[in-house]
Amino acid sequence: MKPSSLSLLKFLRTRDSPLLRIRTMTITSNPPQVRDDLLCSDQQQQQSDLQIEKPPEAAPASLGAPGRVLSIDTRVEQAWAHWKKLGRPKYIVAPMVDNSELPFRLLCQKYGAQAAYTPMLHSRIFTETDNRNKEFTTCEEDRPLFVQFCANDPDTLLEAAKKVAPYCDYVDINLGCPQRIARRGNYGAFLMDNLPLVKSLVEKLAQNLTVPVSCKIRIFPNLQDTLNYAKMLEDAGCSLLAVHGRTRDEKDGKKFRADWGAIKEVRNALRIPVLANGNVRCIEDVEDCIKETGVEGVLSAETLLENPAVFAGFRTAEWAKDNDEEGYVDGGLDQGDLAVEYLKLCEKHPVPWRMIRSHVHKMLGDWFRVHPQVREQLNAQNILTFEFLYGLVDQLKELGGRVPLYKKRKIDTLQESPQKDLES
C-alpha cells in the first residue's frame, strides 16, 4: 500500500469485534488541509484491507422480510414498535457535516443525548471501494444511531445503506440540506423539486432493508405542499420523519425562526413518529417544542457544537444572562472541561484532525473571544497534536477569565442525565 493512500483510510468497530484502527502517516510536505484529513492516530493496524461488509443480522420480526410490500397499517404499527423499543428518545444529536462524528456523539450522550445521527454521508462516494470506510465509525455504546446518506440514485443509495444497516437503528435520507454543494450535487433539499425521485429513494430502501428508513426534510413555503410531501414520504415507507421548520431558502438559523406551527401540522397529519428541528438553545426549548408541537423528540445541531451539555440542562453565559430572573448559577462545568473530554474520546476513537480543529474552535469560542491571541495560535498550527491541544486548554485556564456553563439554581448540578431519568 502506498503511504499516500493511508491518509484516506478510516476505521470501523462492529458490534462483536474490537475497534480496528488504521495507521496514518504525517507527511510534512503536505499542505495544511491535507494534514487535517489525516486520522489523529499513529497506532498500527494488523490487516491491510479493512472490510466493513458483514452479513446483515436477521430482520426483527416486526420489520418483515426485504422485498415484501406491507400495508400502511402494518408499516405504521412496525414503525411505532421499533421506536418504542429504542426508548422513544427525546434528546437527539442532529446530523452535522464533519461535526456529528463518533467522539462528539459519545460526548453528547454522556451529557443527556439519547440518540444521534452520523454526519451526512455521500452514497456514491461511500460505495466506492477506496472510500468505503472513510467517514463512518461507530462502537457498541453509540446507539440508538441514525446513519444519514444523501443520494439521487435509488440503486446507489441501497448499495450504501446495506453496508451500514447492521450497525444502526435507522438509515436516514437527507432531504433537507440547503447548501450550494447540495444544489450542485442534486441532493438534499433540492430534491424537493423532484418528488417522484424522492419517493423512489424511500421505496427502494423500505422494500429492501432490514432496518427502518427515516427522512429529514425542510418545509415548503406553502403548508399544504409540506403536508402533501410528508404524507408521500409516509406512504412510500418512511418509518420516522424529522422536520426542520425552515424552508430551503432560510439557511440562517439566527435570522429565521423555525416554524413550530408547521411542524405541529405535520405531526398531526402523519401516523408515524415525527421529530422536530429548529429553535433549540437550551433544554427548556426542547420541552417547549415537544409541548407545542406534539413531536416525539427534538434535534439540536449548532447549539450542541458550542455546548455539548445542553441536554443535561447546562447553558452558556449568553443564554443564562437572558434569564437572570430564573436564578442561574455556575454549574461546575465549563467548555474547557468539555473540550478535554472530547479530546480524550478522540484518542480512543480516532477521527480526522479537521473535525477536531472545528470542534475545538466551537467549544472554546467564548474563551477565544476573551483571549484572541490563543485562537491565533490554533489557527497558525498546521500540524495538530493532542499535546498541543491539551496545552491550549491549560493556557486558557492559566490566563484566567473562566467562562462557566450555568444551570438553574433549583437543578442539582450533579443530577443524573435525562437518559437515566427516562429509563427509571
Protein backbone atom coordinates (compact mmCIF):
# COMPACT_ATOMS: atom_id res chain seq x y z
CA MET A 1 0.00 0.00 0.00
CA LYS A 2 1.35 3.44 -0.93
CA PRO A 3 1.91 5.82 2.02
CA SER A 4 -0.27 8.45 0.39
CA SER A 5 -3.25 6.12 0.43
CA LEU A 6 -3.03 5.63 4.18
CA SER A 7 -4.47 9.07 4.83
CA LEU A 8 -7.70 8.08 3.11
CA LEU A 9 -8.47 5.09 5.32
CA LYS A 10 -10.75 5.14 8.30
CA PHE A 11 -11.82 2.58 10.83
CA LEU A 12 -14.98 0.85 11.96
CA ARG A 13 -15.90 -1.13 15.01
CA THR A 14 -18.60 -3.75 14.60
CA ARG A 15 -20.80 -4.87 17.44
CA ASP A 16 -18.83 -8.04 18.09
CA SER A 17 -15.28 -7.16 17.06
CA PRO A 18 -12.61 -4.89 18.52
CA LEU A 19 -12.08 -1.47 17.09
CA LEU A 20 -9.85 -1.60 14.05
CA ARG A 21 -7.56 1.34 13.58
CA ILE A 22 -5.58 2.45 10.58
CA ARG A 23 -2.08 3.80 10.94
CA THR A 24 -1.69 7.16 9.27
CA MET A 25 1.46 8.95 8.23
CA THR A 26 2.07 12.65 8.67
CA ILE A 27 3.84 13.86 5.54
CA THR A 28 5.29 17.27 6.34
CA SER A 29 5.31 18.31 2.70
CA ASN A 30 1.52 18.06 2.52
CA PRO A 31 -0.47 21.30 2.69
CA PRO A 32 -2.35 22.00 5.96
CA GLN A 33 -5.75 20.92 4.63
CA VAL A 34 -4.29 17.53 3.66
CA ARG A 35 -2.71 17.04 7.07
CA ASP A 36 -6.03 17.88 8.69
CA ASP A 37 -7.58 14.98 6.73
CA LEU A 38 -5.27 12.51 8.47
CA LEU A 39 -6.54 10.45 11.38
CA CYS A 40 -5.45 11.56 14.84
CA SER A 41 -3.79 8.18 15.48
CA ASP A 42 -0.46 6.55 14.84
CA GLN A 43 -1.45 3.09 16.02
CA GLN A 44 -0.71 0.23 13.64
CA GLN A 45 -3.38 -1.95 12.18
CA GLN A 46 -2.63 -5.60 11.59
CA GLN A 47 -4.53 -6.12 8.36
CA SER A 48 -4.04 -4.02 5.25
CA ASP A 49 -7.63 -4.06 4.00
CA LEU A 50 -10.39 -3.09 6.37
CA GLN A 51 -13.68 -4.68 5.38
CA ILE A 52 -16.99 -3.49 6.78
CA GLU A 53 -19.10 -5.97 4.91
CA LYS A 54 -20.85 -8.29 7.29
CA PRO A 55 -23.89 -10.47 6.72
CA PRO A 56 -26.86 -8.40 7.91
CA GLU A 57 -28.45 -9.60 11.10
CA ALA A 58 -31.78 -11.28 10.80
CA ALA A 59 -34.52 -8.71 10.44
CA PRO A 60 -36.55 -8.08 13.59
CA ALA A 61 -39.85 -9.85 13.40
CA SER A 62 -41.63 -6.50 13.24
CA LEU A 63 -39.85 -5.50 10.06
CA GLY A 64 -40.71 -8.44 7.89
CA ALA A 65 -38.51 -9.64 5.04
CA PRO A 66 -36.77 -7.45 2.43
CA GLY A 67 -38.71 -7.20 -0.81
CA ARG A 68 -42.06 -7.62 0.85
CA VAL A 69 -44.53 -4.75 0.33
CA LEU A 70 -46.53 -4.22 3.52
CA SER A 71 -49.82 -2.43 4.07
CA ILE A 72 -49.70 1.09 5.51
CA ASP A 73 -51.35 -0.10 8.72
CA THR A 74 -48.71 -2.78 9.23
CA ARG A 75 -45.87 -0.39 8.47
CA VAL A 76 -47.18 2.21 10.93
CA GLU A 77 -47.54 -0.44 13.62
CA GLN A 78 -43.96 -1.60 12.98
CA ALA A 79 -42.66 1.97 12.96
CA TRP A 80 -44.03 2.62 16.43
CA ALA A 81 -42.93 -0.77 17.78
CA HIS A 82 -39.36 -0.05 16.68
CA TRP A 83 -39.39 3.49 18.08
CA LYS A 84 -40.73 2.32 21.44
CA LYS A 85 -38.15 -0.45 21.58
CA LEU A 86 -35.46 2.23 21.36
CA GLY A 87 -36.97 4.00 24.38
CA ARG A 88 -38.63 6.88 22.46
CA PRO A 89 -35.60 9.19 22.75
CA LYS A 90 -36.38 12.90 23.13
CA TYR A 91 -32.92 14.48 23.07
CA ILE A 92 -31.20 13.87 19.74
CA VAL A 93 -27.93 14.97 18.14
CA ALA A 94 -28.71 16.25 14.64
CA PRO A 95 -26.66 15.28 11.57
CA MET A 96 -23.82 17.76 11.02
CA VAL A 97 -21.26 17.50 8.24
CA ASP A 98 -17.85 16.79 9.79
CA ASN A 99 -19.27 17.50 13.26
CA SER A 100 -21.57 14.69 14.47
CA GLU A 101 -18.80 12.09 14.35
CA LEU A 102 -18.37 9.29 16.91
CA PRO A 103 -16.36 11.06 19.66
CA PHE A 104 -18.72 14.03 19.62
CA ARG A 105 -21.79 11.77 19.67
CA LEU A 106 -20.39 9.96 22.70
CA LEU A 107 -19.65 13.24 24.47
CA CYS A 108 -23.22 14.44 23.89
CA GLN A 109 -24.52 11.08 25.06
CA LYS A 110 -22.65 11.46 28.36
CA TYR A 111 -24.48 14.75 28.85
CA GLY A 112 -28.02 13.61 28.15
CA ALA A 113 -28.35 12.92 24.41
CA GLN A 114 -30.46 9.83 23.88
CA ALA A 115 -29.87 9.22 20.15
CA ALA A 116 -27.73 10.67 17.38
CA TYR A 117 -27.25 11.00 13.64
CA THR A 118 -23.97 10.48 11.84
CA PRO A 119 -22.66 13.24 9.60
CA MET A 120 -24.21 13.15 6.15
CA LEU A 121 -22.50 10.51 4.00
CA HIS A 122 -22.44 10.72 0.23
CA SER A 123 -23.93 7.44 -1.00
CA ARG A 124 -21.94 7.29 -4.24
CA ILE A 125 -18.59 8.03 -2.59
CA PHE A 126 -19.39 5.63 0.23
CA THR A 127 -19.88 2.76 -2.20
CA GLU A 128 -16.51 3.30 -3.84
CA THR A 129 -14.02 0.73 -2.61
CA ASP A 130 -11.24 3.15 -1.72
CA ASN A 131 -13.56 5.32 0.35
CA ARG A 132 -15.78 2.68 1.89
CA ASN A 133 -14.68 3.28 5.47
CA LYS A 134 -13.66 6.89 5.13
CA GLU A 135 -16.32 8.61 7.19
CA PHE A 136 -18.46 6.08 9.06
CA THR A 137 -17.31 4.98 12.51
CA THR A 138 -19.28 3.59 15.40
CA CYS A 139 -18.99 1.48 18.54
CA GLU A 140 -21.20 -0.60 20.80
CA GLU A 141 -22.18 2.35 23.00
CA ASP A 142 -23.16 4.50 20.02
CA ARG A 143 -26.89 3.70 20.00
CA PRO A 144 -29.57 4.48 19.01
CA LEU A 145 -27.93 5.59 15.79
CA PHE A 146 -29.23 7.11 12.55
CA VAL A 147 -26.84 6.78 9.61
CA GLN A 148 -27.63 9.53 7.12
CA PHE A 149 -26.98 9.48 3.37
CA CYS A 150 -27.51 11.98 0.62
CA ALA A 151 -28.41 10.44 -2.72
CA ASN A 152 -30.16 10.89 -6.05
CA ASP A 153 -29.96 7.33 -7.34
CA PRO A 154 -32.04 4.59 -5.65
CA ASP A 155 -29.70 1.70 -6.51
CA THR A 156 -26.58 3.52 -5.31
CA LEU A 157 -28.35 4.53 -2.11
CA LEU A 158 -29.41 0.94 -1.44
CA GLU A 159 -25.88 -0.33 -2.00
CA ALA A 160 -24.52 2.15 0.53
CA ALA A 161 -27.34 1.55 3.01
CA LYS A 162 -26.80 -2.20 3.06
CA LYS A 163 -23.24 -1.67 4.21
CA VAL A 164 -24.27 0.21 7.36
CA ALA A 165 -27.58 -1.50 8.13
CA PRO A 166 -26.04 -3.99 10.61
CA TYR A 167 -24.59 -1.13 12.66
CA CYS A 168 -27.50 1.27 13.06
CA ASP A 169 -31.14 1.66 14.06
CA TYR A 170 -32.27 3.77 11.08
CA VAL A 171 -30.91 4.52 7.64
CA ASP A 172 -31.78 8.16 7.07
CA ILE A 173 -32.17 10.03 3.79
CA ASN A 174 -31.02 13.64 3.78
CA LEU A 175 -33.75 15.65 2.09
CA GLY A 176 -33.01 18.90 3.90
CA CYS A 177 -29.51 20.14 3.11
CA PRO A 178 -29.92 23.67 1.66
CA GLN A 179 -26.27 24.40 0.85
CA ARG A 180 -24.90 25.19 -2.59
CA ILE A 181 -22.98 21.92 -2.70
CA ALA A 182 -26.33 20.11 -2.45
CA ARG A 183 -27.65 22.16 -5.34
CA ARG A 184 -24.63 21.27 -7.45
CA GLY A 185 -24.86 17.62 -6.48
CA ASN A 186 -28.65 17.43 -6.87
CA TYR A 187 -29.41 16.09 -3.41
CA GLY A 188 -30.74 17.24 -0.05
CA ALA A 189 -33.41 19.95 -0.10
CA PHE A 190 -33.02 20.41 -3.85
CA LEU A 191 -34.78 17.08 -4.40
CA MET A 192 -37.93 18.92 -3.30
CA ASP A 193 -38.12 19.87 -6.98
CA ASN A 194 -38.31 16.19 -7.99
CA LEU A 195 -40.73 14.41 -5.68
CA PRO A 196 -41.05 11.26 -7.84
CA LEU A 197 -37.31 10.71 -7.35
CA VAL A 198 -37.65 11.25 -3.61
CA LYS A 199 -40.44 8.69 -3.49
CA SER A 200 -38.34 6.15 -5.39
CA LEU A 201 -35.43 6.60 -2.94
CA VAL A 202 -37.63 5.90 0.06
CA GLU A 203 -39.41 2.96 -1.57
CA LYS A 204 -36.13 1.37 -2.63
CA LEU A 205 -34.83 1.31 0.94
CA ALA A 206 -38.12 0.48 2.62
CA GLN A 207 -38.62 -2.58 0.45
CA ASN A 208 -35.07 -3.91 0.64
CA LEU A 209 -33.60 -3.17 4.10
CA THR A 210 -33.99 -4.95 7.41
CA VAL A 211 -33.80 -1.67 9.35
CA PRO A 212 -36.34 1.17 9.16
CA VAL A 213 -35.95 4.13 6.83
CA SER A 214 -36.16 7.67 8.17
CA CYS A 215 -36.08 11.02 6.38
CA LYS A 216 -35.08 14.53 7.36
CA ILE A 217 -36.80 17.35 5.48
CA ARG A 218 -37.33 21.10 5.34
CA ILE A 219 -40.73 22.67 4.89
CA PHE A 220 -42.20 24.25 1.78
CA PRO A 221 -43.30 27.91 1.91
CA ASN A 222 -46.85 26.61 1.47
CA LEU A 223 -48.15 24.48 4.35
CA GLN A 224 -50.30 22.21 2.18
CA ASP A 225 -47.29 21.43 -0.02
CA THR A 226 -45.41 20.43 3.13
CA LEU A 227 -48.24 18.18 4.31
CA ASN A 228 -48.53 16.51 0.89
CA TYR A 229 -44.76 15.96 0.89
CA ALA A 230 -44.79 14.39 4.36
CA LYS A 231 -47.71 12.12 3.50
CA MET A 232 -45.96 10.99 0.34
CA LEU A 233 -42.90 10.00 2.38
CA GLU A 234 -45.03 8.09 4.86
CA ASP A 235 -46.86 6.26 2.07
CA ALA A 236 -43.55 5.40 0.39
CA GLY A 237 -42.30 3.60 3.50
CA CYS A 238 -40.68 6.22 5.75
CA SER A 239 -40.87 4.99 9.36
CA LEU A 240 -39.83 8.23 11.07
CA LEU A 241 -39.76 11.82 9.86
CA ALA A 242 -37.59 14.66 11.21
CA VAL A 243 -38.86 18.10 10.19
CA HIS A 244 -36.65 21.18 10.15
CA GLY A 245 -39.09 24.03 10.48
CA ARG A 246 -37.40 26.31 7.95
CA THR A 247 -37.64 26.46 4.18
CA ARG A 248 -34.82 25.68 1.79
CA ASP A 249 -34.04 29.38 1.43
CA GLU A 250 -34.00 30.06 5.18
CA LYS A 251 -30.42 28.98 5.81
CA ASP A 252 -29.55 31.39 8.61
CA GLY A 253 -30.91 29.95 11.83
CA LYS A 254 -30.25 33.20 13.71
CA LYS A 255 -32.16 35.26 11.17
CA PHE A 256 -35.11 32.93 10.56
CA ARG A 257 -37.11 31.27 13.34
CA ALA A 258 -38.19 27.70 12.74
CA ASP A 259 -41.93 27.32 12.21
CA TRP A 260 -43.12 25.08 15.02
CA GLY A 261 -46.69 25.55 13.81
CA ALA A 262 -45.85 23.83 10.53
CA ILE A 263 -44.13 21.01 12.40
CA LYS A 264 -47.24 20.56 14.55
CA GLU A 265 -49.41 20.28 11.43
CA VAL A 266 -47.09 17.60 10.00
CA ARG A 267 -47.18 15.74 13.30
CA ASN A 268 -50.99 15.81 13.28
CA ALA A 269 -51.20 14.68 9.66
CA LEU A 270 -48.92 11.65 9.95
CA ARG A 271 -49.25 8.32 11.70
CA ILE A 272 -45.52 7.62 12.08
CA PRO A 273 -43.23 9.19 14.74
CA VAL A 274 -42.20 12.78 13.98
CA LEU A 275 -39.19 14.73 15.30
CA ALA A 276 -38.61 18.50 15.29
CA ASN A 277 -35.53 20.55 14.43
CA GLY A 278 -35.04 24.27 14.98
CA ASN A 279 -35.07 27.00 17.68
CA VAL A 280 -33.33 24.96 20.39
CA ARG A 281 -30.89 26.91 22.59
CA CYS A 282 -31.50 25.16 25.92
CA ILE A 283 -33.26 22.17 27.47
CA GLU A 284 -36.35 24.29 28.19
CA ASP A 285 -36.69 24.97 24.45
CA VAL A 286 -36.79 21.21 23.89
CA GLU A 287 -39.61 20.75 26.36
CA ASP A 288 -41.48 23.76 24.96
CA CYS A 289 -41.15 22.41 21.42
CA ILE A 290 -42.47 18.98 22.39
CA LYS A 291 -45.38 20.55 24.27
CA GLU A 292 -46.25 22.93 21.43
CA THR A 293 -45.87 20.52 18.51
CA GLY A 294 -46.59 17.10 20.00
CA VAL A 295 -43.47 15.58 18.43
CA GLU A 296 -41.63 12.61 19.89
CA GLY A 297 -38.26 14.31 20.20
CA VAL A 298 -36.11 17.25 19.19
CA LEU A 299 -32.87 17.50 17.23
CA SER A 300 -30.16 20.02 18.10
CA ALA A 301 -27.16 20.98 15.97
CA GLU A 302 -25.46 24.39 16.30
CA THR A 303 -26.26 24.72 20.00
CA LEU A 304 -24.59 21.39 20.77
CA LEU A 305 -21.44 22.37 18.91
CA GLU A 306 -20.95 25.27 21.31
CA ASN A 307 -22.27 23.45 24.36
CA PRO A 308 -22.43 19.63 24.15
CA ALA A 309 -24.02 19.56 27.63
CA VAL A 310 -27.25 21.28 26.55
CA PHE A 311 -29.37 18.18 27.09
CA ALA A 312 -28.10 17.91 30.68
CA GLY A 313 -29.52 21.35 31.45
CA PHE A 314 -26.36 23.47 31.04
CA ARG A 315 -26.47 26.90 29.37
CA THR A 316 -23.76 29.17 28.06
CA ALA A 317 -23.40 32.60 29.66
CA GLU A 318 -25.27 34.22 26.75
CA TRP A 319 -28.45 32.25 27.36
CA ALA A 320 -28.16 32.27 31.15
CA LYS A 321 -27.96 36.08 31.27
CA ASP A 322 -31.09 36.33 29.15
CA ASN A 323 -32.92 34.59 32.01
CA ASP A 324 -31.31 36.11 35.10
CA GLU A 325 -34.64 36.26 36.88
CA GLU A 326 -34.77 32.44 36.88
CA GLY A 327 -31.63 32.24 39.01
CA TYR A 328 -28.83 30.62 37.01
CA VAL A 329 -25.64 29.64 38.82
CA ASP A 330 -22.23 28.25 37.87
CA GLY A 331 -22.91 24.60 37.04
CA GLY A 332 -19.42 23.43 37.96
CA LEU A 333 -18.59 22.70 34.31
CA ASP A 334 -17.04 24.79 31.56
CA GLN A 335 -16.30 24.43 27.86
CA GLY A 336 -12.63 23.80 28.59
CA ASP A 337 -13.64 20.72 30.56
CA LEU A 338 -15.82 19.56 27.66
CA ALA A 339 -13.00 20.13 25.16
CA VAL A 340 -10.66 17.94 27.23
CA GLU A 341 -13.30 15.20 27.46
CA TYR A 342 -13.78 15.39 23.71
CA LEU A 343 -10.04 15.11 23.03
CA LYS A 344 -9.81 12.03 25.24
CA LEU A 345 -12.62 10.41 23.26
CA CYS A 346 -10.77 11.24 20.03
CA GLU A 347 -7.68 9.47 21.35
CA LYS A 348 -9.84 6.39 21.92
CA HIS A 349 -11.84 6.71 18.69
CA PRO A 350 -9.61 8.41 16.07
CA VAL A 351 -11.12 10.91 13.62
CA PRO A 352 -9.57 13.34 11.13
CA TRP A 353 -7.83 16.36 12.63
CA ARG A 354 -10.09 18.68 10.64
CA MET A 355 -13.05 17.56 12.76
CA ILE A 356 -11.11 18.07 15.96
CA ARG A 357 -9.95 21.53 14.90
CA SER A 358 -13.53 22.52 14.14
CA HIS A 359 -14.87 21.29 17.47
CA VAL A 360 -12.12 23.00 19.48
CA HIS A 361 -12.92 26.30 17.76
CA LYS A 362 -16.63 25.92 18.56
CA MET A 363 -16.30 24.69 22.16
CA LEU A 364 -13.70 27.28 23.14
CA GLY A 365 -15.26 30.14 21.19
CA ASP A 366 -16.28 32.09 24.31
CA TRP A 367 -12.79 31.73 25.75
CA PHE A 368 -11.14 32.73 22.47
CA ARG A 369 -13.13 35.96 22.48
CA VAL A 370 -11.52 36.80 25.82
CA HIS A 371 -8.06 35.64 24.72
CA PRO A 372 -7.92 36.01 20.90
CA GLN A 373 -4.15 35.50 20.88
CA VAL A 374 -4.69 31.86 21.88
CA ARG A 375 -7.10 31.38 18.99
CA GLU A 376 -4.43 32.72 16.67
CA GLN A 377 -2.03 30.10 17.98
CA LEU A 378 -4.54 27.41 17.00
CA ASN A 379 -5.07 28.93 13.56
CA ALA A 380 -1.33 29.10 12.95
CA GLN A 381 -0.72 25.47 13.99
CA ASN A 382 -0.65 23.47 10.75
CA ILE A 383 0.13 20.14 12.38
CA LEU A 384 -2.12 19.42 15.35
CA THR A 385 -1.22 17.08 18.19
CA PHE A 386 -3.07 16.17 21.34
CA GLU A 387 -0.21 17.58 23.39
CA PHE A 388 -0.64 20.95 21.68
CA LEU A 389 -4.43 20.99 22.16
CA TYR A 390 -4.31 19.97 25.82
CA GLY A 391 -1.71 22.69 26.30
CA LEU A 392 -4.03 25.18 24.63
CA VAL A 393 -6.77 24.49 27.18
CA ASP A 394 -4.26 24.71 30.04
CA GLN A 395 -3.06 28.04 28.73
CA LEU A 396 -6.59 29.44 28.61
CA LYS A 397 -7.24 28.36 32.18
CA GLU A 398 -3.95 29.85 33.38
CA LEU A 399 -4.80 33.17 31.71
CA GLY A 400 -7.97 33.37 33.81
CA GLY A 401 -11.37 34.63 32.83
CA ARG A 402 -13.00 31.21 33.08
CA VAL A 403 -16.33 31.07 31.26
CA PRO A 404 -18.57 28.61 33.14
CA LEU A 405 -21.68 26.84 31.96
CA TYR A 406 -24.76 27.60 34.00
CA LYS A 407 -27.66 25.70 35.48
CA LYS A 408 -30.87 26.74 37.13
CA ARG A 409 -30.40 27.16 40.87
CA LYS A 410 -33.12 24.64 41.61
CA ILE A 411 -31.41 21.96 39.49
CA ASP A 412 -28.74 19.96 41.26
CA THR A 413 -25.53 20.22 39.23
CA LEU A 414 -24.90 16.57 39.97
CA GLN A 415 -28.27 15.32 38.74
CA GLU A 416 -28.35 12.25 36.57
CA SER A 417 -28.70 12.60 32.83
CA PRO A 418 -32.14 12.75 31.17
CA GLN A 419 -31.43 9.31 29.71
CA LYS A 420 -31.20 7.79 33.18
CA ASP A 421 -34.34 9.64 34.23
CA LEU A 422 -36.15 8.19 31.21
CA GLU A 423 -35.00 4.66 31.99
CA SER A 424 -36.15 4.92 35.59
